[in-house]
Amino acid sequence: DFLCVSLVNGFVQLRYNLGDKTVILQTFQKVHANGNTWHSLKAGRAGNEGYLDLDGINITQKASSGMNVLDTHTDFFVGGVSSLNLVNSMAVENEPTSFTGCIREIVINNRELKLTVTDPKGGANVGDCDGTVCGYTVCKNNGTCQVENSGFSCSCPQDWIGSTCEQSIHCSQNRCGSQALCIPQPTSFSYICVCALGWSGKYCDSKINFFIAKFVGNSYIKYTDPYYGKRDLQYSRISLNFTTNQTEGLIVWMGKGEDEDNDFLAIGLANRTLKVVINLGERISVPLIHSKYSTCCDERWHFVTVVQNQTCIKVYLDEELILFEDIDPQRKYTALNYGGICYFGGFEIGRKVNVVTTGLFQKEFIGKIKDVVLFQDSKKIQLMKAEGYNVYNGK
């Protein structure tokens, strides 16, 4: 499999192959070759439907029957590759050559790549396209960069300070405690503190302990399974108790949640109904529970268990089997390769639930969670010892 964006005789070309056939899209207009004009380029695919957008002019290749998952398992290359022999002959029109020019603001699946000296795994013959120490976006929050003998300086807009305009003036004298995040509130010329797991109070300076996790919104817990390497991923299981008065919310997401090809098992609420979603590699199953079970939002405790036996999925709500489905009788993918990561309630601050889950769930969970057990473990996982923010004692 591959996905490749290249220049062909001045036109931008997108080629991708998901395992069965190569799709080719090409822009109608050429890019300027004067080296002084920046172009905006968007390229990708949704399933096996491709799209290519150059400076706002869009081309779409309609989906047809066939494979719909890009299975690469390789490094991501920008501008060239370590050896041109690595380039699939179908990925380019002519003999492969490296790119000459400037590239900035690369965003892959809503995550921006840091094009610095230290962040990539490797590279060669790449310099600063700006030609000065200012580079691109050195000054944050619309700050203006000025070259000086000693390097550079940033002229910061109102409400921002710091050597690169990285800090809000409202947080410059903040009293937020251990590991807390300071969130500026410009309209009130103040700030609020978002507490790390295990802390509470206005300034996150009160140590707390809990066995019931209370999620209040913009909350999450990220748990790393220490036994992931020893798990039999063809037979996964998770159970927990939850209570809420909300009609929407992501309760748990077993998976890395980094890009669309990551396996996951998700449990949440959608329109007052328990919703379970499984992705074992290619096919996504979205079982919607019958309306008779829309009693999840009554502030009572409910016990949910999801069992994955290869491609057979069982869901229990309050110890009653409410779903039993084989999501792929062909058994093409049978393991839940979730990377040992479990999110509870939502994702990291700044990552929106509807974006990360591509609309499967609309918002973060507000309510309480307790008694989480993975697989057939004899002990409940200790949510207190995980990573997280804005989670408190549910008592």
Protein backbone atom coordinates (compact mmCIF):
# COMPACT_ATOMS: atom_id res chain seq x y z
CA ASP A 1 0.00 0.00 0.00
CA PHE A 2 1.10 3.60 -0.53
CA LEU A 3 -0.05 7.22 -0.72
CA CYS A 4 2.19 9.65 -2.61
CA VAL A 5 1.91 13.35 -3.48
CA SER A 6 4.31 14.58 -6.16
CA LEU A 7 4.93 17.23 -8.84
CA VAL A 8 4.54 16.09 -12.46
CA ASN A 9 5.38 18.67 -15.17
CA GLY A 10 4.22 21.46 -12.86
CA PHE A 11 0.98 19.77 -11.82
CA VAL A 12 0.35 18.22 -8.39
CA GLN A 13 -0.48 14.55 -8.50
CA LEU A 14 -1.91 12.25 -5.81
CA ARG A 15 -1.51 8.50 -6.16
CA TYR A 16 -2.62 5.88 -3.67
CA ASN A 17 -3.02 2.12 -3.61
CA LEU A 18 -4.93 0.34 -0.85
CA GLY A 19 -3.93 -3.12 -2.00
CA ASP A 20 -5.99 -3.73 -5.13
CA LYS A 21 -5.59 -0.85 -7.59
CA THR A 22 -3.80 2.48 -8.01
CA VAL A 23 -5.90 5.67 -8.05
CA ILE A 24 -4.47 8.81 -9.69
CA LEU A 25 -5.71 12.41 -9.21
CA GLN A 26 -4.07 15.47 -10.79
CA THR A 27 -4.72 19.20 -10.38
CA PHE A 28 -6.09 21.28 -13.24
CA GLN A 29 -3.69 24.16 -12.60
CA LYS A 30 0.10 24.28 -12.40
CA VAL A 31 2.07 25.57 -9.42
CA HIS A 32 4.14 28.73 -9.83
CA ALA A 33 7.79 27.97 -10.51
CA ASN A 34 9.12 31.38 -9.43
CA GLY A 35 9.90 30.23 -5.91
CA ASN A 36 8.16 33.24 -4.37
CA THR A 37 4.59 31.96 -4.12
CA TRP A 38 3.32 29.70 -1.35
CA HIS A 39 0.63 27.19 -2.30
CA SER A 40 -1.93 25.51 -0.03
CA LEU A 41 -2.27 21.79 -0.71
CA LYS A 42 -4.68 19.27 0.80
CA ALA A 43 -4.62 15.64 -0.24
CA GLY A 44 -5.92 12.39 1.16
CA ARG A 45 -8.73 9.88 1.08
CA ALA A 46 -11.81 8.82 2.99
CA GLY A 47 -12.04 5.07 2.56
CA ASN A 48 -11.12 4.59 -1.09
CA GLU A 49 -12.48 8.00 -2.19
CA GLY A 50 -9.58 10.38 -2.85
CA TYR A 51 -9.41 14.19 -2.85
CA LEU A 52 -6.82 16.73 -3.97
CA ASP A 53 -7.12 20.47 -3.34
CA LEU A 54 -4.64 23.06 -4.62
CA ASP A 55 -5.28 26.65 -3.51
CA GLY A 56 -8.98 25.95 -2.99
CA ILE A 57 -9.67 24.13 -6.26
CA ASN A 58 -10.80 20.62 -5.40
CA ILE A 59 -10.74 17.35 -7.31
CA THR A 60 -12.44 14.23 -5.97
CA GLN A 61 -12.19 10.63 -7.10
CA LYS A 62 -15.48 8.96 -6.29
CA ALA A 63 -15.33 5.76 -4.29
CA SER A 64 -15.73 2.42 -6.00
CA SER A 65 -15.83 -1.12 -4.69
CA GLY A 66 -12.59 -2.45 -3.26
CA MET A 67 -10.21 -2.01 -0.32
CA ASN A 68 -10.69 1.05 1.89
CA VAL A 69 -7.84 0.98 4.41
CA LEU A 70 -4.27 2.21 3.89
CA ASP A 71 -1.96 -0.37 5.49
CA THR A 72 1.57 1.06 5.21
CA HIS A 73 3.49 0.27 8.41
CA THR A 74 6.38 2.42 7.16
CA ASP A 75 8.01 5.72 8.02
CA PHE A 76 6.51 8.94 6.68
CA PHE A 77 8.81 10.72 4.21
CA VAL A 78 8.70 14.42 3.25
CA GLY A 79 10.54 15.81 0.21
CA GLY A 80 12.29 12.56 -0.65
CA VAL A 81 13.20 9.15 0.68
CA SER A 82 16.37 7.65 2.12
CA SER A 83 16.74 5.54 -1.03
CA LEU A 84 14.84 6.07 -4.27
CA ASN A 85 14.66 2.31 -4.62
CA LEU A 86 12.02 2.39 -1.86
CA VAL A 87 9.55 4.22 -4.12
CA ASN A 88 6.92 1.94 -5.62
CA SER A 89 7.00 2.18 -9.42
CA MET A 90 3.27 2.90 -9.44
CA ALA A 91 3.60 5.78 -6.95
CA VAL A 92 5.16 8.20 -9.48
CA GLU A 93 4.71 8.83 -13.19
CA ASN A 94 8.37 9.03 -14.14
CA GLU A 95 11.65 8.10 -12.46
CA PRO A 96 11.45 9.26 -8.81
CA THR A 97 13.37 12.42 -7.92
CA SER A 98 13.58 14.36 -4.67
CA PHE A 99 11.62 17.59 -4.16
CA THR A 100 13.39 20.96 -4.50
CA GLY A 101 11.63 23.83 -2.78
CA CYS A 102 10.09 24.80 0.53
CA ILE A 103 7.50 23.00 2.65
CA ARG A 104 5.80 24.19 5.82
CA GLU A 105 2.75 23.47 7.99
CA ILE A 106 2.39 19.74 7.35
CA VAL A 107 -0.73 18.40 9.08
CA ILE A 108 -1.37 14.64 9.09
CA ASN A 109 -4.77 13.52 10.40
CA ASN A 110 -5.24 16.83 12.28
CA ARG A 111 -1.76 16.69 13.88
CA GLU A 112 0.92 19.15 12.77
CA LEU A 113 4.39 17.72 12.20
CA LYS A 114 7.24 19.65 13.81
CA LEU A 115 9.69 20.43 11.02
CA THR A 116 12.67 21.10 13.27
CA VAL A 117 16.18 19.74 13.53
CA THR A 118 15.40 17.48 16.48
CA ASP A 119 11.84 16.20 15.99
CA PRO A 120 12.06 14.02 12.84
CA LYS A 121 13.67 10.57 12.98
CA GLY A 122 16.20 11.59 10.34
CA GLY A 123 16.90 13.49 7.15
CA ALA A 124 19.57 14.98 4.91
CA ASN A 125 20.22 18.13 2.84
CA VAL A 126 17.38 20.12 4.44
CA GLY A 127 17.87 23.75 5.50
CA ASP A 128 15.87 26.68 6.78
CA CYS A 129 13.75 27.92 3.88
CA ASP A 130 13.31 31.38 5.40
CA GLY A 131 17.07 31.92 5.27
CA THR A 132 17.15 33.69 8.65
CA VAL A 133 17.03 32.70 12.30
CA CYS A 134 13.38 33.73 12.30
CA GLY A 135 12.34 30.75 10.25
CA TYR A 136 8.59 30.12 10.22
CA THR A 137 6.27 30.65 13.20
CA VAL A 138 9.16 31.09 15.63
CA CYS A 139 7.04 33.72 17.34
CA LYS A 140 3.78 32.23 18.59
CA ASN A 141 0.30 33.79 18.76
CA ASN A 142 0.83 36.15 15.81
CA GLY A 143 4.04 37.61 17.20
CA THR A 144 6.42 39.40 14.80
CA CYS A 145 9.98 38.09 14.44
CA GLN A 146 12.95 40.44 14.03
CA VAL A 147 16.49 39.34 13.16
CA GLU A 148 19.16 40.66 15.54
CA ASN A 149 22.91 40.22 15.95
CA SER A 150 22.39 37.84 18.85
CA GLY A 151 19.72 35.85 17.02
CA PHE A 152 16.12 37.05 16.95
CA SER A 153 13.49 38.75 19.06
CA CYS A 154 9.71 38.63 19.05
CA SER A 155 7.39 41.59 19.20
CA CYS A 156 4.33 40.22 20.96
CA PRO A 157 0.70 41.24 20.48
CA GLN A 158 -1.41 42.42 23.39
CA ASP A 159 -2.06 39.75 26.07
CA TRP A 160 1.04 37.67 25.22
CA ILE A 161 4.55 37.74 26.67
CA GLY A 162 7.67 35.56 26.69
CA SER A 163 10.69 35.20 24.40
CA THR A 164 8.49 33.66 21.71
CA CYS A 165 5.12 35.14 22.81
CA GLU A 166 4.21 31.74 24.21
CA GLN A 167 2.69 32.85 27.52
CA SER A 168 -0.54 34.66 28.25
CA ILE A 169 -0.18 37.72 30.46
CA HIS A 170 -3.09 36.36 32.48
CA CYS A 171 -0.99 33.32 33.43
CA SER A 172 2.31 35.11 34.03
CA GLN A 173 1.72 35.33 37.80
CA ASN A 174 -0.56 32.31 38.12
CA ARG A 175 -0.83 30.36 41.38
CA CYS A 176 -1.70 27.01 39.79
CA GLY A 177 -0.13 24.18 41.74
CA SER A 178 1.67 20.95 40.93
CA GLN A 179 1.45 19.99 37.24
CA ALA A 180 -1.70 22.08 36.82
CA LEU A 181 -2.49 23.84 33.56
CA CYS A 182 -3.16 27.58 33.51
CA ILE A 183 -5.97 28.44 31.08
CA PRO A 184 -6.23 32.20 30.38
CA GLN A 185 -9.63 33.88 30.55
CA PRO A 186 -9.12 37.11 28.55
CA THR A 187 -12.70 38.35 28.92
CA SER A 188 -12.37 38.45 32.69
CA PHE A 189 -8.65 39.34 32.68
CA SER A 190 -8.01 36.23 34.77
CA TYR A 191 -7.29 32.52 34.52
CA ILE A 192 -8.45 29.14 35.76
CA CYS A 193 -6.39 26.17 36.88
CA VAL A 194 -7.02 22.72 35.39
CA CYS A 195 -5.83 20.16 37.91
CA ALA A 196 -3.68 17.14 37.19
CA LEU A 197 -4.90 13.77 38.41
CA GLY A 198 -4.73 13.58 42.20
CA TRP A 199 -5.16 17.31 42.84
CA SER A 200 -8.14 19.60 43.39
CA GLY A 201 -9.05 23.09 44.58
CA LYS A 202 -9.13 26.48 42.88
CA TYR A 203 -5.35 26.43 42.54
CA CYS A 204 -4.97 22.62 42.43
CA ASP A 205 -3.08 22.65 45.70
CA SER A 206 -5.14 20.05 47.60
CA LYS A 207 -4.03 16.42 47.32
CA ILE A 208 -6.88 13.95 46.80
CA ASN A 209 -7.38 10.22 46.43
CA PHE A 210 -10.33 8.41 44.88
CA PHE A 211 -11.75 5.07 43.82
CA ILE A 212 -14.63 6.63 41.87
CA ALA A 213 -13.53 9.03 39.11
CA LYS A 214 -15.74 12.07 38.58
CA PHE A 215 -15.53 13.67 35.11
CA VAL A 216 -16.76 17.26 34.96
CA GLY A 217 -16.10 18.14 31.30
CA ASN A 218 -12.77 18.74 29.55
CA SER A 219 -11.70 15.74 31.63
CA TYR A 220 -9.75 12.65 30.70
CA ILE A 221 -7.72 9.77 32.07
CA LYS A 222 -5.09 8.06 29.91
CA TYR A 223 -4.17 4.62 31.25
CA THR A 224 -1.25 2.60 29.91
CA ASP A 225 -1.75 -1.14 30.29
CA PRO A 226 1.45 -2.63 31.80
CA TYR A 227 0.45 -6.13 30.65
CA TYR A 228 -0.27 -5.23 27.02
CA GLY A 229 2.67 -7.25 25.67
CA LYS A 230 1.32 -10.40 27.34
CA ARG A 231 -2.32 -10.02 26.26
CA ASP A 232 -4.04 -12.33 23.80
CA LEU A 233 -5.50 -9.59 21.62
CA GLN A 234 -7.94 -11.92 19.88
CA TYR A 235 -9.90 -12.21 23.13
CA SER A 236 -10.30 -8.75 24.66
CA ARG A 237 -12.64 -7.70 27.44
CA ILE A 238 -13.44 -4.56 29.39
CA SER A 239 -16.03 -3.94 32.10
CA LEU A 240 -16.88 -0.90 34.21
CA ASN A 241 -19.63 0.89 36.12
CA PHE A 242 -20.79 4.36 35.08
CA THR A 243 -23.43 6.90 36.01
CA THR A 244 -24.43 10.10 34.25
CA ASN A 245 -27.34 12.44 33.52
CA GLN A 246 -26.02 13.29 30.05
CA THR A 247 -27.37 11.93 26.76
CA GLU A 248 -24.01 12.04 24.90
CA GLY A 249 -20.45 11.23 25.86
CA LEU A 250 -17.41 9.03 25.29
CA ILE A 251 -16.96 6.69 28.26
CA VAL A 252 -13.92 4.68 27.18
CA TRP A 253 -11.70 4.41 24.10
CA MET A 254 -9.32 1.43 24.02
CA GLY A 255 -6.78 2.47 21.39
CA LYS A 256 -4.10 5.03 20.65
CA GLY A 257 -6.48 7.44 18.93
CA GLU A 258 -3.68 8.91 16.83
CA ASP A 259 -4.88 8.23 13.30
CA GLU A 260 -7.71 6.55 11.43
CA ASP A 261 -5.88 3.25 11.01
CA ASN A 262 -5.45 2.60 14.74
CA ASP A 263 -7.53 -0.31 16.10
CA PHE A 264 -9.98 0.60 18.85
CA LEU A 265 -12.86 -0.51 21.01
CA ALA A 266 -15.09 2.34 22.16
CA ILE A 267 -18.04 2.62 24.54
CA GLY A 268 -20.14 5.72 24.90
CA LEU A 269 -23.54 7.36 24.81
CA ALA A 270 -25.29 8.66 21.71
CA ASN A 271 -28.83 10.05 21.84
CA ARG A 272 -29.46 8.50 25.28
CA THR A 273 -28.39 5.08 23.99
CA LEU A 274 -25.35 2.95 24.76
CA LYS A 275 -23.14 2.85 21.67
CA VAL A 276 -20.28 0.39 21.06
CA VAL A 277 -17.84 0.73 18.17
CA ILE A 278 -15.15 -1.79 17.19
CA ASN A 279 -12.38 -1.38 14.60
CA LEU A 280 -10.10 -4.40 14.18
CA GLY A 281 -8.26 -3.07 11.16
CA GLU A 282 -10.57 -2.43 8.25
CA ARG A 283 -14.27 -2.68 8.92
CA ILE A 284 -15.89 -0.39 11.47
CA SER A 285 -18.96 -1.74 13.24
CA VAL A 286 -21.40 0.75 14.76
CA PRO A 287 -24.13 -1.26 16.51
CA LEU A 288 -26.98 0.93 17.73
CA ILE A 289 -28.78 -0.48 20.75
CA HIS A 290 -32.58 -0.79 20.70
CA SER A 291 -34.42 2.14 22.27
CA LYS A 292 -35.69 -0.04 25.13
CA TYR A 293 -32.19 0.28 26.59
CA SER A 294 -32.13 4.09 26.53
CA THR A 295 -32.04 4.23 30.32
CA CYS A 296 -28.34 5.06 30.61
CA CYS A 297 -28.81 8.70 31.54
CA ASP A 298 -30.86 8.41 34.72
CA GLU A 299 -28.03 9.07 37.24
CA ARG A 300 -28.17 5.45 38.40
CA TRP A 301 -25.15 3.15 38.26
CA HIS A 302 -24.99 0.89 35.20
CA PHE A 303 -22.62 -2.00 34.62
CA VAL A 304 -21.36 -2.50 31.05
CA THR A 305 -19.15 -5.28 29.70
CA VAL A 306 -17.84 -5.67 26.16
CA VAL A 307 -16.28 -8.98 25.12
CA GLN A 308 -14.39 -9.46 21.84
CA ASN A 309 -13.85 -13.07 20.78
CA GLN A 310 -11.98 -12.58 17.50
CA THR A 311 -14.71 -10.95 15.36
CA CYS A 312 -17.65 -11.86 17.62
CA ILE A 313 -18.74 -9.04 19.90
CA LYS A 314 -20.93 -9.38 22.98
CA VAL A 315 -22.21 -6.40 24.95
CA TYR A 316 -23.82 -6.73 28.38
CA LEU A 317 -25.70 -3.91 30.10
CA ASP A 318 -26.54 -4.51 33.75
CA GLU A 319 -25.62 -8.18 33.21
CA GLU A 320 -28.16 -8.61 30.39
CA LEU A 321 -26.85 -9.54 26.92
CA ILE A 322 -28.06 -6.74 24.66
CA LEU A 323 -25.85 -7.29 21.62
CA PHE A 324 -24.24 -10.29 19.98
CA GLU A 325 -22.80 -9.71 16.53
CA ASP A 326 -20.11 -11.13 14.26
CA ILE A 327 -18.65 -8.00 12.63
CA ASP A 328 -16.64 -9.93 10.03
CA PRO A 329 -17.55 -13.58 9.30
CA GLN A 330 -14.55 -13.73 6.92
CA ARG A 331 -12.21 -13.37 9.92
CA LYS A 332 -9.82 -11.08 8.00
CA TYR A 333 -8.80 -9.17 11.15
CA THR A 334 -9.28 -10.85 14.52
CA ALA A 335 -7.04 -8.98 17.00
CA LEU A 336 -7.64 -5.71 18.84
CA ASN A 337 -4.20 -4.07 18.53
CA TYR A 338 -5.04 -1.18 20.81
CA GLY A 339 -1.46 -0.29 21.71
CA GLY A 340 -1.99 -0.73 25.45
CA ILE A 341 -3.70 2.69 25.70
CA CYS A 342 -7.11 3.30 27.29
CA TYR A 343 -8.73 6.74 27.42
CA PHE A 344 -11.57 7.38 29.84
CA GLY A 345 -13.96 10.32 29.50
CA GLY A 346 -12.18 12.01 26.61
CA PHE A 347 -8.76 12.85 25.23
CA GLU A 348 -5.90 15.21 26.05
CA ILE A 349 -6.69 18.90 26.58
CA GLY A 350 -7.24 20.51 23.19
CA ARG A 351 -8.18 17.27 21.39
CA LYS A 352 -11.90 17.30 20.66
CA VAL A 353 -13.83 14.04 20.99
CA ASN A 354 -15.81 14.51 17.78
CA VAL A 355 -12.58 15.12 15.82
CA VAL A 356 -10.54 12.23 17.26
CA THR A 357 -13.45 9.77 16.89
CA THR A 358 -14.38 11.18 13.44
CA GLY A 359 -17.91 11.89 14.61
CA LEU A 360 -18.62 8.53 16.24
CA PHE A 361 -19.03 10.35 19.56
CA GLN A 362 -19.86 14.03 19.92
CA LYS A 363 -18.54 15.13 23.30
CA GLU A 364 -16.60 14.18 26.39
CA PHE A 365 -18.16 12.19 29.21
CA ILE A 366 -19.64 13.97 32.22
CA GLY A 367 -20.39 11.63 35.08
CA LYS A 368 -18.67 8.98 37.18
CA ILE A 369 -16.73 5.78 36.38
CA LYS A 370 -15.56 3.03 38.73
CA ASP A 371 -14.58 -0.66 38.89
CA VAL A 372 -12.71 -0.84 35.57
CA VAL A 373 -11.40 -4.33 34.75
CA LEU A 374 -9.43 -5.28 31.63
CA PHE A 375 -9.47 -8.76 30.12
CA GLN A 376 -9.77 -11.38 32.90
CA ASP A 377 -7.59 -9.51 35.41
CA SER A 378 -8.29 -10.24 39.05
CA LYS A 379 -7.77 -6.61 40.07
CA LYS A 380 -9.45 -3.37 39.03
CA ILE A 381 -7.14 -0.87 37.37
CA GLN A 382 -6.03 2.05 39.55
CA LEU A 383 -7.26 5.11 37.69
CA MET A 384 -5.60 7.34 40.29
CA LYS A 385 -2.15 6.24 39.11
CA ALA A 386 -2.76 7.08 35.45
CA GLU A 387 -2.28 10.36 33.55
CA GLY A 388 -5.15 12.83 33.43
CA TYR A 389 -6.66 16.22 34.09
CA ASN A 390 -9.88 17.65 35.54
CA VAL A 391 -10.92 14.40 37.23
CA TYR A 392 -12.06 14.45 40.84
CA ASN A 393 -13.27 12.29 43.69
CA GLY A 394 -16.69 10.83 42.96
CA LYS A 395 -16.90 9.48 46.57
